[in-house]
Amino acid sequence: QVQLVESGGGSVQAGDSLRLSCAASGRTFSRYAMGWFRQAPGKERDFVAAISWSGYTTYTGSVKGRFTISRDNAKNTVYLQMNSLKAEDTTVYYCAASPGYSGPDYRGYNSWGQGTQVTVSS
């Protein structure tokens, strides 16, 4: 497993942008697929985006064209660039690591960060 620490959340206006970062510990980061999920209190965890070790990406439909997931293996970091933010994007965002490529299936991820809050005001 790897340890994950998210950063970059905050409060913005609708239409603004934020970039979330997730720093991973460990020397095997490049072998992990990485994902971003979001979860509001009392609700299920929703898939946002995933990236394989080779850079293959998957997005949930509501963020396609607005969010971009990327990774920098030299920095052991995965990013989520969020543009054109909407009020409905407001929630806590989590990054996660998967030893295989799990895409939207949260059960395949065995390491999770502590989450970072994103608040979008309309």
PDB file of N, CA and C in Angstrom:
ATOM      1  N   GLN A   1       0.829  -1.187   0.000  1.00  0.00           N
ATOM      2  CA  GLN A   1       0.000   0.000   0.000  1.00  0.00           C
ATOM      3  C   GLN A   1       0.873   1.250   0.000  1.00  0.00           C
ATOM      4  N   VAL A   2       0.253   2.350  -0.360  1.00  0.00           N
ATOM      5  CA  VAL A   2       0.917   3.640  -0.309  1.00  0.00           C
ATOM      6  C   VAL A   2       0.113   4.565   0.589  1.00  0.00           C
ATOM      7  N   GLN A   3       0.797   5.578   1.125  1.00  0.00           N
ATOM      8  CA  GLN A   3       0.113   6.593   1.917  1.00  0.00           C
ATOM      9  C   GLN A   3      -0.160   7.780   0.997  1.00  0.00           C
ATOM     10  N   LEU A   4      -1.356   8.320   1.099  1.00  0.00           N
ATOM     11  CA  LEU A   4      -1.798   9.382   0.199  1.00  0.00           C
ATOM     12  C   LEU A   4      -2.226  10.612   0.990  1.00  0.00           C
ATOM     13  N   VAL A   5      -1.831  11.779   0.507  1.00  0.00           N
ATOM     14  CA  VAL A   5      -2.211  13.032   1.149  1.00  0.00           C
ATOM     15  C   VAL A   5      -2.708  13.994   0.072  1.00  0.00           C
ATOM     16  N   GLU A   6      -3.986  14.379   0.176  1.00  0.00           N
ATOM     17  CA  GLU A   6      -4.563  15.314  -0.777  1.00  0.00           C
ATOM     18  C   GLU A   6      -4.353  16.755  -0.325  1.00  0.00           C
ATOM     19  N   SER A   7      -4.360  17.646  -1.285  1.00  0.00           N
ATOM     20  CA  SER A   7      -4.314  19.079  -1.006  1.00  0.00           C
ATOM     21  C   SER A   7      -4.933  19.818  -2.193  1.00  0.00           C
ATOM     22  N   GLY A   8      -5.188  21.104  -1.988  1.00  0.00           N
ATOM     23  CA  GLY A   8      -5.669  21.932  -3.081  1.00  0.00           C
ATOM     24  C   GLY A   8      -7.138  22.274  -3.045  1.00  0.00           C
ATOM     25  N   GLY A   9      -7.861  21.699  -2.093  1.00  0.00           N
ATOM     26  CA  GLY A   9      -9.276  22.039  -1.995  1.00  0.00           C
ATOM     27  C   GLY A   9      -9.463  23.464  -1.523  1.00  0.00           C
ATOM     28  N   GLY A  10     -10.705  23.931  -1.598  1.00  0.00           N
ATOM     29  CA  GLY A  10     -11.001  25.274  -1.136  1.00  0.00           C
ATOM     30  C   GLY A  10     -12.390  25.701  -1.542  1.00  0.00           C
ATOM     31  N   SER A  11     -12.650  26.984  -1.363  1.00  0.00           N
ATOM     32  CA  SER A  11     -13.946  27.569  -1.695  1.00  0.00           C
ATOM     33  C   SER A  11     -13.784  28.497  -2.889  1.00  0.00           C
ATOM     34  N   VAL A  12     -14.583  28.275  -3.909  1.00  0.00           N
ATOM     35  CA  VAL A  12     -14.508  29.076  -5.133  1.00  0.00           C
ATOM     36  C   VAL A  12     -15.918  29.402  -5.609  1.00  0.00           C
ATOM     37  N   GLN A  13     -15.978  30.265  -6.628  1.00  0.00           N
ATOM     38  CA  GLN A  13     -17.245  30.610  -7.249  1.00  0.00           C
ATOM     39  C   GLN A  13     -17.490  29.678  -8.439  1.00  0.00           C
ATOM     40  N   ALA A  14     -18.743  29.522  -8.781  1.00  0.00           N
ATOM     41  CA  ALA A  14     -19.082  28.730  -9.963  1.00  0.00           C
ATOM     42  C   ALA A  14     -18.362  29.288 -11.182  1.00  0.00           C
ATOM     43  N   GLY A  15     -17.821  28.379 -11.987  1.00  0.00           N
ATOM     44  CA  GLY A  15     -17.064  28.779 -13.161  1.00  0.00           C
ATOM     45  C   GLY A  15     -15.565  28.858 -12.934  1.00  0.00           C
ATOM     46  N   ASP A  16     -15.162  28.878 -11.680  1.00  0.00           N
ATOM     47  CA  ASP A  16     -13.731  28.936 -11.342  1.00  0.00           C
ATOM     48  C   ASP A  16     -13.070  27.572 -11.506  1.00  0.00           C
ATOM     49  N   SER A  17     -11.775  27.559 -11.245  1.00  0.00           N
ATOM     50  CA  SER A  17     -10.990  26.330 -11.370  1.00  0.00           C
ATOM     51  C   SER A  17     -10.248  26.038 -10.067  1.00  0.00           C
ATOM     52  N   LEU A  18      -9.979  24.767  -9.849  1.00  0.00           N
ATOM     53  CA  LEU A  18      -9.136  24.312  -8.760  1.00  0.00           C
ATOM     54  C   LEU A  18      -8.295  23.147  -9.259  1.00  0.00           C
ATOM     55  N   ARG A  19      -7.126  22.978  -8.684  1.00  0.00           N
ATOM     56  CA  ARG A  19      -6.326  21.803  -8.970  1.00  0.00           C
ATOM     57  C   ARG A  19      -6.046  21.064  -7.673  1.00  0.00           C
ATOM     58  N   LEU A  20      -6.520  19.849  -7.593  1.00  0.00           N
ATOM     59  CA  LEU A  20      -6.242  19.001  -6.447  1.00  0.00           C
ATOM     60  C   LEU A  20      -4.968  18.210  -6.709  1.00  0.00           C
ATOM     61  N   SER A  21      -4.214  18.023  -5.652  1.00  0.00           N
ATOM     62  CA  SER A  21      -3.001  17.216  -5.723  1.00  0.00           C
ATOM     63  C   SER A  21      -3.102  16.078  -4.719  1.00  0.00           C
ATOM     64  N   CYS A  22      -2.456  14.987  -5.048  1.00  0.00           N
ATOM     65  CA  CYS A  22      -2.414  13.840  -4.143  1.00  0.00           C
ATOM     66  C   CYS A  22      -0.985  13.312  -4.163  1.00  0.00           C
ATOM     67  N   ALA A  23      -0.301  13.509  -3.056  1.00  0.00           N
ATOM     68  CA  ALA A  23       1.088  13.063  -2.938  1.00  0.00           C
ATOM     69  C   ALA A  23       1.126  11.672  -2.321  1.00  0.00           C
ATOM     70  N   ALA A  24       1.883  10.804  -2.939  1.00  0.00           N
ATOM     71  CA  ALA A  24       1.967   9.418  -2.479  1.00  0.00           C
ATOM     72  C   ALA A  24       3.362   9.112  -1.955  1.00  0.00           C
ATOM     73  N   SER A  25       3.402   8.317  -0.913  1.00  0.00           N
ATOM     74  CA  SER A  25       4.678   7.838  -0.405  1.00  0.00           C
ATOM     75  C   SER A  25       4.996   6.504  -1.052  1.00  0.00           C
ATOM     76  N   GLY A  26       6.233   6.092  -0.957  1.00  0.00           N
ATOM     77  CA  GLY A  26       6.587   4.788  -1.486  1.00  0.00           C
ATOM     78  C   GLY A  26       7.268   4.863  -2.839  1.00  0.00           C
ATOM     79  N   ARG A  27       8.078   3.863  -3.112  1.00  0.00           N
ATOM     80  CA  ARG A  27       8.864   3.850  -4.333  1.00  0.00           C
ATOM     81  C   ARG A  27       8.157   3.185  -5.493  1.00  0.00           C
ATOM     82  N   THR A  28       6.971   2.625  -5.254  1.00  0.00           N
ATOM     83  CA  THR A  28       6.287   1.897  -6.308  1.00  0.00           C
ATOM     84  C   THR A  28       5.077   2.642  -6.845  1.00  0.00           C
ATOM     85  N   PHE A  29       5.036   3.943  -6.642  1.00  0.00           N
ATOM     86  CA  PHE A  29       3.882   4.749  -7.071  1.00  0.00           C
ATOM     87  C   PHE A  29       3.582   4.540  -8.542  1.00  0.00           C
ATOM     88  N   SER A  30       4.594   4.475  -9.370  1.00  0.00           N
ATOM     89  CA  SER A  30       4.382   4.384 -10.811  1.00  0.00           C
ATOM     90  C   SER A  30       3.662   3.104 -11.221  1.00  0.00           C
ATOM     91  N   ARG A  31       3.643   2.100 -10.348  1.00  0.00           N
ATOM     92  CA  ARG A  31       2.985   0.832 -10.662  1.00  0.00           C
ATOM     93  C   ARG A  31       1.501   0.852 -10.320  1.00  0.00           C
ATOM     94  N   TYR A  32       1.049   1.880  -9.625  1.00  0.00           N
ATOM     95  CA  TYR A  32      -0.334   1.955  -9.192  1.00  0.00           C
ATOM     96  C   TYR A  32      -1.188   2.745 -10.173  1.00  0.00           C
ATOM     97  N   ALA A  33      -2.403   2.270 -10.363  1.00  0.00           N
ATOM     98  CA  ALA A  33      -3.414   3.108 -10.972  1.00  0.00           C
ATOM     99  C   ALA A  33      -3.960   4.019  -9.886  1.00  0.00           C
ATOM    100  N   MET A  34      -4.358   5.206 -10.260  1.00  0.00           N
ATOM    101  CA  MET A  34      -4.828   6.193  -9.288  1.00  0.00           C
ATOM    102  C   MET A  34      -6.224   6.665  -9.664  1.00  0.00           C
ATOM    103  N   GLY A  35      -6.993   6.977  -8.644  1.00  0.00           N
ATOM    104  CA  GLY A  35      -8.345   7.444  -8.902  1.00  0.00           C
ATOM    105  C   GLY A  35      -8.726   8.594  -7.986  1.00  0.00           C
ATOM    106  N   TRP A  36      -9.703   9.342  -8.422  1.00  0.00           N
ATOM    107  CA  TRP A  36     -10.333  10.380  -7.601  1.00  0.00           C
ATOM    108  C   TRP A  36     -11.806  10.023  -7.444  1.00  0.00           C
ATOM    109  N   PHE A  37     -12.249  10.109  -6.205  1.00  0.00           N
ATOM    110  CA  PHE A  37     -13.648   9.877  -5.871  1.00  0.00           C
ATOM    111  C   PHE A  37     -14.149  11.066  -5.076  1.00  0.00           C
ATOM    112  N   ARG A  38     -15.442  11.183  -4.941  1.00  0.00           N
ATOM    113  CA  ARG A  38     -16.011  12.222  -4.100  1.00  0.00           C
ATOM    114  C   ARG A  38     -17.200  11.665  -3.349  1.00  0.00           C
ATOM    115  N   GLN A  39     -17.399  12.207  -2.154  1.00  0.00           N
ATOM    116  CA  GLN A  39     -18.451  11.682  -1.294  1.00  0.00           C
ATOM    117  C   GLN A  39     -19.004  12.780  -0.415  1.00  0.00           C
ATOM    118  N   ALA A  40     -20.301  12.967  -0.499  1.00  0.00           N
ATOM    119  CA  ALA A  40     -20.988  13.907   0.374  1.00  0.00           C
ATOM    120  C   ALA A  40     -21.437  13.165   1.625  1.00  0.00           C
ATOM    121  N   PRO A  41     -21.619  13.864   2.735  1.00  0.00           N
ATOM    122  CA  PRO A  41     -22.066  13.218   3.969  1.00  0.00           C
ATOM    123  C   PRO A  41     -23.366  12.456   3.782  1.00  0.00           C
ATOM    124  N   GLY A  42     -23.375  11.194   4.205  1.00  0.00           N
ATOM    125  CA  GLY A  42     -24.580  10.389   4.112  1.00  0.00           C
ATOM    126  C   GLY A  42     -24.861   9.818   2.742  1.00  0.00           C
ATOM    127  N   LYS A  43     -23.938  10.053   1.801  1.00  0.00           N
ATOM    128  CA  LYS A  43     -24.156   9.549   0.442  1.00  0.00           C
ATOM    129  C   LYS A  43     -23.048   8.576   0.061  1.00  0.00           C
ATOM    130  N   GLU A  44     -23.287   7.859  -1.026  1.00  0.00           N
ATOM    131  CA  GLU A  44     -22.294   6.899  -1.493  1.00  0.00           C
ATOM    132  C   GLU A  44     -21.102   7.612  -2.106  1.00  0.00           C
ATOM    133  N   ARG A  45     -19.995   6.877  -2.132  1.00  0.00           N
ATOM    134  CA  ARG A  45     -18.784   7.404  -2.747  1.00  0.00           C
ATOM    135  C   ARG A  45     -18.925   7.302  -4.263  1.00  0.00           C
ATOM    136  N   ASP A  46     -18.706   8.411  -4.944  1.00  0.00           N
ATOM    137  CA  ASP A  46     -18.868   8.459  -6.391  1.00  0.00           C
ATOM    138  C   ASP A  46     -17.527   8.563  -7.095  1.00  0.00           C
ATOM    139  N   PHE A  47     -17.406   7.830  -8.171  1.00  0.00           N
ATOM    140  CA  PHE A  47     -16.210   7.878  -8.992  1.00  0.00           C
ATOM    141  C   PHE A  47     -16.147   9.192  -9.752  1.00  0.00           C
ATOM    142  N   VAL A  48     -14.941   9.744  -9.853  1.00  0.00           N
ATOM    143  CA  VAL A  48     -14.741  10.973 -10.618  1.00  0.00           C
ATOM    144  C   VAL A  48     -13.849  10.698 -11.828  1.00  0.00           C
ATOM    145  N   ALA A  49     -12.647  10.183 -11.576  1.00  0.00           N
ATOM    146  CA  ALA A  49     -11.686   9.959 -12.661  1.00  0.00           C
ATOM    147  C   ALA A  49     -10.640   8.960 -12.207  1.00  0.00           C
ATOM    148  N   ALA A  50     -10.016   8.299 -13.173  1.00  0.00           N
ATOM    149  CA  ALA A  50      -8.941   7.364 -12.875  1.00  0.00           C
ATOM    150  C   ALA A  50      -7.891   7.437 -13.969  1.00  0.00           C
ATOM    151  N   ILE A  51      -6.669   7.069 -13.594  1.00  0.00           N
ATOM    152  CA  ILE A  51      -5.572   7.047 -14.548  1.00  0.00           C
ATOM    153  C   ILE A  51      -4.721   5.811 -14.282  1.00  0.00           C
ATOM    154  N   SER A  52      -4.400   5.093 -15.320  1.00  0.00           N
ATOM    155  CA  SER A  52      -3.575   3.902 -15.172  1.00  0.00           C
ATOM    156  C   SER A  52      -2.102   4.291 -15.048  1.00  0.00           C
ATOM    157  N   TRP A  53      -1.257   3.291 -14.797  1.00  0.00           N
ATOM    158  CA  TRP A  53       0.166   3.574 -14.683  1.00  0.00           C
ATOM    159  C   TRP A  53       0.726   4.107 -15.994  1.00  0.00           C
ATOM    160  N   SER A  54       0.076   3.747 -17.115  1.00  0.00           N
ATOM    161  CA  SER A  54       0.559   4.169 -18.429  1.00  0.00           C
ATOM    162  C   SER A  54      -0.093   5.444 -18.931  1.00  0.00           C
ATOM    163  N   GLY A  55      -1.050   5.965 -18.156  1.00  0.00           N
ATOM    164  CA  GLY A  55      -1.670   7.223 -18.534  1.00  0.00           C
ATOM    165  C   GLY A  55      -3.051   7.109 -19.151  1.00  0.00           C
ATOM    166  N   TYR A  56      -3.588   5.911 -19.226  1.00  0.00           N
ATOM    167  CA  TYR A  56      -4.966   5.751 -19.718  1.00  0.00           C
ATOM    168  C   TYR A  56      -5.928   6.348 -18.700  1.00  0.00           C
ATOM    169  N   THR A  57      -6.893   7.130 -19.185  1.00  0.00           N
ATOM    170  CA  THR A  57      -7.794   7.842 -18.274  1.00  0.00           C
ATOM    171  C   THR A  57      -9.252   7.473 -18.501  1.00  0.00           C
ATOM    172  N   THR A  58     -10.019   7.563 -17.426  1.00  0.00           N
ATOM    173  CA  THR A  58     -11.460   7.334 -17.448  1.00  0.00           C
ATOM    174  C   THR A  58     -12.118   8.403 -16.607  1.00  0.00           C
ATOM    175  N   TYR A  59     -13.281   8.886 -17.046  1.00  0.00           N
ATOM    176  CA  TYR A  59     -14.000   9.927 -16.318  1.00  0.00           C
ATOM    177  C   TYR A  59     -15.468   9.555 -16.186  1.00  0.00           C
ATOM    178  N   THR A  60     -16.066  10.029 -15.119  1.00  0.00           N
ATOM    179  CA  THR A  60     -17.500   9.930 -15.038  1.00  0.00           C
ATOM    180  C   THR A  60     -18.101  10.992 -15.952  1.00  0.00           C
ATOM    181  N   GLY A  61     -19.313  10.729 -16.428  1.00  0.00           N
ATOM    182  CA  GLY A  61     -19.884  11.588 -17.446  1.00  0.00           C
ATOM    183  C   GLY A  61     -20.047  13.045 -17.051  1.00  0.00           C
ATOM    184  N   SER A  62     -20.366  13.301 -15.800  1.00  0.00           N
ATOM    185  CA  SER A  62     -20.668  14.672 -15.381  1.00  0.00           C
ATOM    186  C   SER A  62     -19.447  15.579 -15.349  1.00  0.00           C
ATOM    187  N   VAL A  63     -18.245  14.997 -15.407  1.00  0.00           N
ATOM    188  CA  VAL A  63     -17.039  15.834 -15.351  1.00  0.00           C
ATOM    189  C   VAL A  63     -16.252  15.817 -16.656  1.00  0.00           C
ATOM    190  N   LYS A  64     -16.674  15.020 -17.612  1.00  0.00           N
ATOM    191  CA  LYS A  64     -15.963  14.959 -18.896  1.00  0.00           C
ATOM    192  C   LYS A  64     -15.934  16.332 -19.551  1.00  0.00           C
ATOM    193  N   GLY A  65     -14.756  16.716 -20.009  1.00  0.00           N
ATOM    194  CA  GLY A  65     -14.604  18.019 -20.635  1.00  0.00           C
ATOM    195  C   GLY A  65     -14.332  19.144 -19.656  1.00  0.00           C
ATOM    196  N   ARG A  66     -14.515  18.881 -18.364  1.00  0.00           N
ATOM    197  CA  ARG A  66     -14.262  19.902 -17.349  1.00  0.00           C
ATOM    198  C   ARG A  66     -13.080  19.535 -16.454  1.00  0.00           C
ATOM    199  N   PHE A  67     -12.964  18.254 -16.109  1.00  0.00           N
ATOM    200  CA  PHE A  67     -11.904  17.792 -15.209  1.00  0.00           C
ATOM    201  C   PHE A  67     -10.865  17.014 -16.010  1.00  0.00           C
ATOM    202  N   THR A  68      -9.619  17.099 -15.556  1.00  0.00           N
ATOM    203  CA  THR A  68      -8.530  16.345 -16.172  1.00  0.00           C
ATOM    204  C   THR A  68      -7.677  15.706 -15.083  1.00  0.00           C
ATOM    205  N   ILE A  69      -7.503  14.411 -15.163  1.00  0.00           N
ATOM    206  CA  ILE A  69      -6.629  13.703 -14.231  1.00  0.00           C
ATOM    207  C   ILE A  69      -5.280  13.505 -14.914  1.00  0.00           C
ATOM    208  N   SER A  70      -4.220  13.676 -14.148  1.00  0.00           N
ATOM    209  CA  SER A  70      -2.877  13.472 -14.685  1.00  0.00           C
ATOM    210  C   SER A  70      -1.987  12.983 -13.557  1.00  0.00           C
ATOM    211  N   ARG A  71      -0.809  12.522 -13.914  1.00  0.00           N
ATOM    212  CA  ARG A  71       0.117  12.040 -12.898  1.00  0.00           C
ATOM    213  C   ARG A  71       1.537  12.406 -13.280  1.00  0.00           C
ATOM    214  N   ASP A  72       2.339  12.607 -12.253  1.00  0.00           N
ATOM    215  CA  ASP A  72       3.761  12.862 -12.427  1.00  0.00           C
ATOM    216  C   ASP A  72       4.483  11.818 -11.583  1.00  0.00           C
ATOM    217  N   ASN A  73       4.932  10.760 -12.220  1.00  0.00           N
ATOM    218  CA  ASN A  73       5.544   9.665 -11.471  1.00  0.00           C
ATOM    219  C   ASN A  73       6.856  10.089 -10.816  1.00  0.00           C
ATOM    220  N   ALA A  74       7.545  11.051 -11.393  1.00  0.00           N
ATOM    221  CA  ALA A  74       8.791  11.524 -10.792  1.00  0.00           C
ATOM    222  C   ALA A  74       8.531  12.219  -9.457  1.00  0.00           C
ATOM    223  N   LYS A  75       7.335  12.787  -9.320  1.00  0.00           N
ATOM    224  CA  LYS A  75       6.972  13.494  -8.093  1.00  0.00           C
ATOM    225  C   LYS A  75       6.024  12.681  -7.217  1.00  0.00           C
ATOM    226  N   ASN A  76       5.731  11.459  -7.637  1.00  0.00           N
ATOM    227  CA  ASN A  76       4.788  10.616  -6.874  1.00  0.00           C
ATOM    228  C   ASN A  76       3.479  11.352  -6.604  1.00  0.00           C
ATOM    229  N   THR A  77       2.973  12.025  -7.602  1.00  0.00           N
ATOM    230  CA  THR A  77       1.790  12.862  -7.410  1.00  0.00           C
ATOM    231  C   THR A  77       0.784  12.672  -8.539  1.00  0.00           C
ATOM    232  N   VAL A  78      -0.473  12.648  -8.172  1.00  0.00           N
ATOM    233  CA  VAL A  78      -1.554  12.642  -9.142  1.00  0.00           C
ATOM    234  C   VAL A  78      -2.363  13.925  -8.946  1.00  0.00           C
ATOM    235  N   TYR A  79      -2.862  14.461 -10.030  1.00  0.00           N
ATOM    236  CA  TYR A  79      -3.565  15.734 -10.009  1.00  0.00           C
ATOM    237  C   TYR A  79      -4.978  15.570 -10.556  1.00  0.00           C
ATOM    238  N   LEU A  80      -5.841  16.466 -10.119  1.00  0.00           N
ATOM    239  CA  LEU A  80      -7.167  16.581 -10.711  1.00  0.00           C
ATOM    240  C   LEU A  80      -7.407  18.059 -10.987  1.00  0.00           C
ATOM    241  N   GLN A  81      -7.291  18.437 -12.244  1.00  0.00           N
ATOM    242  CA  GLN A  81      -7.574  19.804 -12.659  1.00  0.00           C
ATOM    243  C   GLN A  81      -9.063  19.932 -12.891  1.00  0.00           C
ATOM    244  N   MET A  82      -9.686  20.828 -12.157  1.00  0.00           N
ATOM    245  CA  MET A  82     -11.133  20.992 -12.235  1.00  0.00           C
ATOM    246  C   MET A  82     -11.456  22.381 -12.755  1.00  0.00           C
ATOM    247  N   ASN A  83     -12.030  22.448 -13.933  1.00  0.00           N
ATOM    248  CA  ASN A  83     -12.420  23.709 -14.559  1.00  0.00           C
ATOM    249  C   ASN A  83     -13.939  23.827 -14.612  1.00  0.00           C
ATOM    250  N   SER A  84     -14.400  25.028 -14.826  1.00  0.00           N
ATOM    251  CA  SER A  84     -15.842  25.282 -14.951  1.00  0.00           C
ATOM    252  C   SER A  84     -16.619  24.624 -13.818  1.00  0.00           C
ATOM    253  N   LEU A  85     -16.166  24.857 -12.606  1.00  0.00           N
ATOM    254  CA  LEU A  85     -16.791  24.210 -11.456  1.00  0.00           C
ATOM    255  C   LEU A  85     -18.233  24.654 -11.281  1.00  0.00           C
ATOM    256  N   LYS A  86     -19.037  23.715 -10.803  1.00  0.00           N
ATOM    257  CA  LYS A  86     -20.445  23.951 -10.569  1.00  0.00           C
ATOM    258  C   LYS A  86     -20.756  23.705  -9.098  1.00  0.00           C
ATOM    259  N   ALA A  87     -21.871  24.237  -8.644  1.00  0.00           N
ATOM    260  CA  ALA A  87     -22.260  24.053  -7.246  1.00  0.00           C
ATOM    261  C   ALA A  87     -22.391  22.568  -6.906  1.00  0.00           C
ATOM    262  N   GLU A  88     -22.849  21.787  -7.854  1.00  0.00           N
ATOM    263  CA  GLU A  88     -23.021  20.348  -7.600  1.00  0.00           C
ATOM    264  C   GLU A  88     -21.700  19.586  -7.497  1.00  0.00           C
ATOM    265  N   ASP A  89     -20.577  20.246  -7.746  1.00  0.00           N
ATOM    266  CA  ASP A  89     -19.272  19.619  -7.536  1.00  0.00           C
ATOM    267  C   ASP A  89     -18.829  19.736  -6.076  1.00  0.00           C
ATOM    268  N   THR A  90     -19.610  20.433  -5.282  1.00  0.00           N
ATOM    269  CA  THR A  90     -19.273  20.633  -3.873  1.00  0.00           C
ATOM    270  C   THR A  90     -19.349  19.329  -3.099  1.00  0.00           C
ATOM    271  N   THR A  91     -18.250  18.932  -2.495  1.00  0.00           N
ATOM    272  CA  THR A  91     -18.190  17.770  -1.629  1.00  0.00           C
ATOM    273  C   THR A  91     -16.733  17.531  -1.243  1.00  0.00           C
ATOM    274  N   VAL A  92     -16.484  16.415  -0.557  1.00  0.00           N
ATOM    275  CA  VAL A  92     -15.120  16.021  -0.215  1.00  0.00           C
ATOM    276  C   VAL A  92     -14.572  15.109  -1.305  1.00  0.00           C
ATOM    277  N   TYR A  93     -13.355  15.400  -1.729  1.00  0.00           N
ATOM    278  CA  TYR A  93     -12.697  14.620  -2.777  1.00  0.00           C
ATOM    279  C   TYR A  93     -11.588  13.768  -2.167  1.00  0.00           C
ATOM    280  N   TYR A  94     -11.536  12.511  -2.598  1.00  0.00           N
ATOM    281  CA  TYR A  94     -10.547  11.566  -2.110  1.00  0.00           C
ATOM    282  C   TYR A  94      -9.731  11.017  -3.274  1.00  0.00           C
ATOM    283  N   CYS A  95      -8.448  10.869  -3.056  1.00  0.00           N
ATOM    284  CA  CYS A  95      -7.675  10.119  -4.035  1.00  0.00           C
ATOM    285  C   CYS A  95      -7.445   8.713  -3.501  1.00  0.00           C
ATOM    286  N   ALA A  96      -7.193   7.809  -4.398  1.00  0.00           N
ATOM    287  CA  ALA A  96      -7.044   6.407  -4.036  1.00  0.00           C
ATOM    288  C   ALA A  96      -6.073   5.727  -4.983  1.00  0.00           C
ATOM    289  N   ALA A  97      -5.449   4.676  -4.490  1.00  0.00           N
ATOM    290  CA  ALA A  97      -4.466   3.928  -5.274  1.00  0.00           C
ATOM    291  C   ALA A  97      -4.908   2.482  -5.433  1.00  0.00           C
ATOM    292  N   SER A  98      -4.715   1.957  -6.612  1.00  0.00           N
ATOM    293  CA  SER A  98      -5.094   0.585  -6.924  1.00  0.00           C
ATOM    294  C   SER A  98      -3.911  -0.150  -7.527  1.00  0.00           C
ATOM    295  N   PRO A  99      -3.614  -1.355  -7.029  1.00  0.00           N
ATOM    296  CA  PRO A  99      -2.497  -2.115  -7.604  1.00  0.00           C
ATOM    297  C   PRO A  99      -2.771  -2.588  -9.027  1.00  0.00           C
ATOM    298  N   GLY A 100      -4.034  -2.634  -9.394  1.00  0.00           N
ATOM    299  CA  GLY A 100      -4.389  -2.931 -10.780  1.00  0.00           C
ATOM    300  C   GLY A 100      -5.177  -1.758 -11.308  1.00  0.00           C
ATOM    301  N   TYR A 101      -5.772  -1.863 -12.493  1.00  0.00           N
ATOM    302  CA  TYR A 101      -6.593  -0.750 -12.974  1.00  0.00           C
ATOM    303  C   TYR A 101      -8.044  -1.041 -12.643  1.00  0.00           C
ATOM    304  N   SER A 102      -8.574  -0.323 -11.663  1.00  0.00           N
ATOM    305  CA  SER A 102      -9.937  -0.572 -11.201  1.00  0.00           C
ATOM    306  C   SER A 102     -10.956   0.383 -11.786  1.00  0.00           C
ATOM    307  N   GLY A 103     -10.486   1.471 -12.403  1.00  0.00           N
ATOM    308  CA  GLY A 103     -11.420   2.412 -12.988  1.00  0.00           C
ATOM    309  C   GLY A 103     -12.394   2.921 -11.949  1.00  0.00           C
ATOM    310  N   PRO A 104     -13.694   2.838 -12.216  1.00  0.00           N
ATOM    311  CA  PRO A 104     -14.693   3.380 -11.306  1.00  0.00           C
ATOM    312  C   PRO A 104     -15.034   2.480 -10.116  1.00  0.00           C
ATOM    313  N   ASP A 105     -14.497   1.274 -10.045  1.00  0.00           N
ATOM    314  CA  ASP A 105     -14.853   0.350  -8.976  1.00  0.00           C
ATOM    315  C   ASP A 105     -14.016   0.626  -7.737  1.00  0.00           C
ATOM    316  N   TYR A 106     -14.623   1.279  -6.739  1.00  0.00           N
ATOM    317  CA  TYR A 106     -13.864   1.681  -5.553  1.00  0.00           C
ATOM    318  C   TYR A 106     -13.318   0.479  -4.796  1.00  0.00           C
ATOM    319  N   ARG A 107     -13.897  -0.701  -4.975  1.00  0.00           N
ATOM    320  CA  ARG A 107     -13.454  -1.879  -4.241  1.00  0.00           C
ATOM    321  C   ARG A 107     -12.056  -2.323  -4.646  1.00  0.00           C
ATOM    322  N   GLY A 108     -11.584  -1.864  -5.801  1.00  0.00           N
ATOM    323  CA  GLY A 108     -10.254  -2.253  -6.248  1.00  0.00           C
ATOM    324  C   GLY A 108      -9.139  -1.385  -5.698  1.00  0.00           C
ATOM    325  N   TYR A 109      -9.494  -0.336  -4.978  1.00  0.00           N
ATOM    326  CA  TYR A 109      -8.501   0.584  -4.441  1.00  0.00           C
ATOM    327  C   TYR A 109      -8.196   0.195  -2.996  1.00  0.00           C
ATOM    328  N   ASN A 110      -6.924   0.072  -2.656  1.00  0.00           N
ATOM    329  CA  ASN A 110      -6.584  -0.371  -1.304  1.00  0.00           C
ATOM    330  C   ASN A 110      -5.905   0.695  -0.466  1.00  0.00           C
ATOM    331  N   SER A 111      -5.734   1.879  -1.008  1.00  0.00           N
ATOM    332  CA  SER A 111      -5.174   2.990  -0.237  1.00  0.00           C
ATOM    333  C   SER A 111      -5.991   4.234  -0.526  1.00  0.00           C
ATOM    334  N   TRP A 112      -6.309   4.981   0.538  1.00  0.00           N
ATOM    335  CA  TRP A 112      -7.141   6.173   0.406  1.00  0.00           C
ATOM    336  C   TRP A 112      -6.522   7.325   1.179  1.00  0.00           C
ATOM    337  N   GLY A 113      -6.679   8.527   0.641  1.00  0.00           N
ATOM    338  CA  GLY A 113      -6.274   9.711   1.359  1.00  0.00           C
ATOM    339  C   GLY A 113      -7.340  10.135   2.343  1.00  0.00           C
ATOM    340  N   GLN A 114      -7.070  11.221   3.029  1.00  0.00           N
ATOM    341  CA  GLN A 114      -7.984  11.689   4.077  1.00  0.00           C
ATOM    342  C   GLN A 114      -9.087  12.593   3.527  1.00  0.00           C
ATOM    343  N   GLY A 115      -8.944  13.022   2.299  1.00  0.00           N
ATOM    344  CA  GLY A 115      -9.969  13.851   1.667  1.00  0.00           C
ATOM    345  C   GLY A 115      -9.664  15.330   1.746  1.00  0.00           C
ATOM    346  N   THR A 116     -10.165  16.057   0.770  1.00  0.00           N
ATOM    347  CA  THR A 116     -10.030  17.515   0.754  1.00  0.00           C
ATOM    348  C   THR A 116     -11.361  18.109   0.298  1.00  0.00           C
ATOM    349  N   GLN A 117     -11.797  19.147   1.001  1.00  0.00           N
ATOM    350  CA  GLN A 117     -13.110  19.739   0.763  1.00  0.00           C
ATOM    351  C   GLN A 117     -13.057  20.714  -0.402  1.00  0.00           C
ATOM    352  N   VAL A 118     -14.017  20.581  -1.286  1.00  0.00           N
ATOM    353  CA  VAL A 118     -14.216  21.531  -2.379  1.00  0.00           C
ATOM    354  C   VAL A 118     -15.612  22.120  -2.233  1.00  0.00           C
ATOM    355  N   THR A 119     -15.685  23.444  -2.176  1.00  0.00           N
ATOM    356  CA  THR A 119     -16.961  24.136  -2.043  1.00  0.00           C
ATOM    357  C   THR A 119     -17.096  25.137  -3.183  1.00  0.00           C
ATOM    358  N   VAL A 120     -18.176  25.007  -3.946  1.00  0.00           N
ATOM    359  CA  VAL A 120     -18.415  25.883  -5.088  1.00  0.00           C
ATOM    360  C   VAL A 120     -19.706  26.646  -4.843  1.00  0.00           C
ATOM    361  N   SER A 121     -19.607  27.949  -4.821  1.00  0.00           N
ATOM    362  CA  SER A 121     -20.766  28.803  -4.579  1.00  0.00           C
ATOM    363  C   SER A 121     -21.328  29.301  -5.905  1.00  0.00           C
ATOM    364  N   SER A 122     -22.639  29.266  -6.000  1.00  0.00           N
ATOM    365  CA  SER A 122     -23.269  29.712  -7.250  1.00  0.00           C
ATOM    366  C   SER A 122     -23.656  31.178  -7.175  1.00  0.00           C
TER     367      SER A 122
END
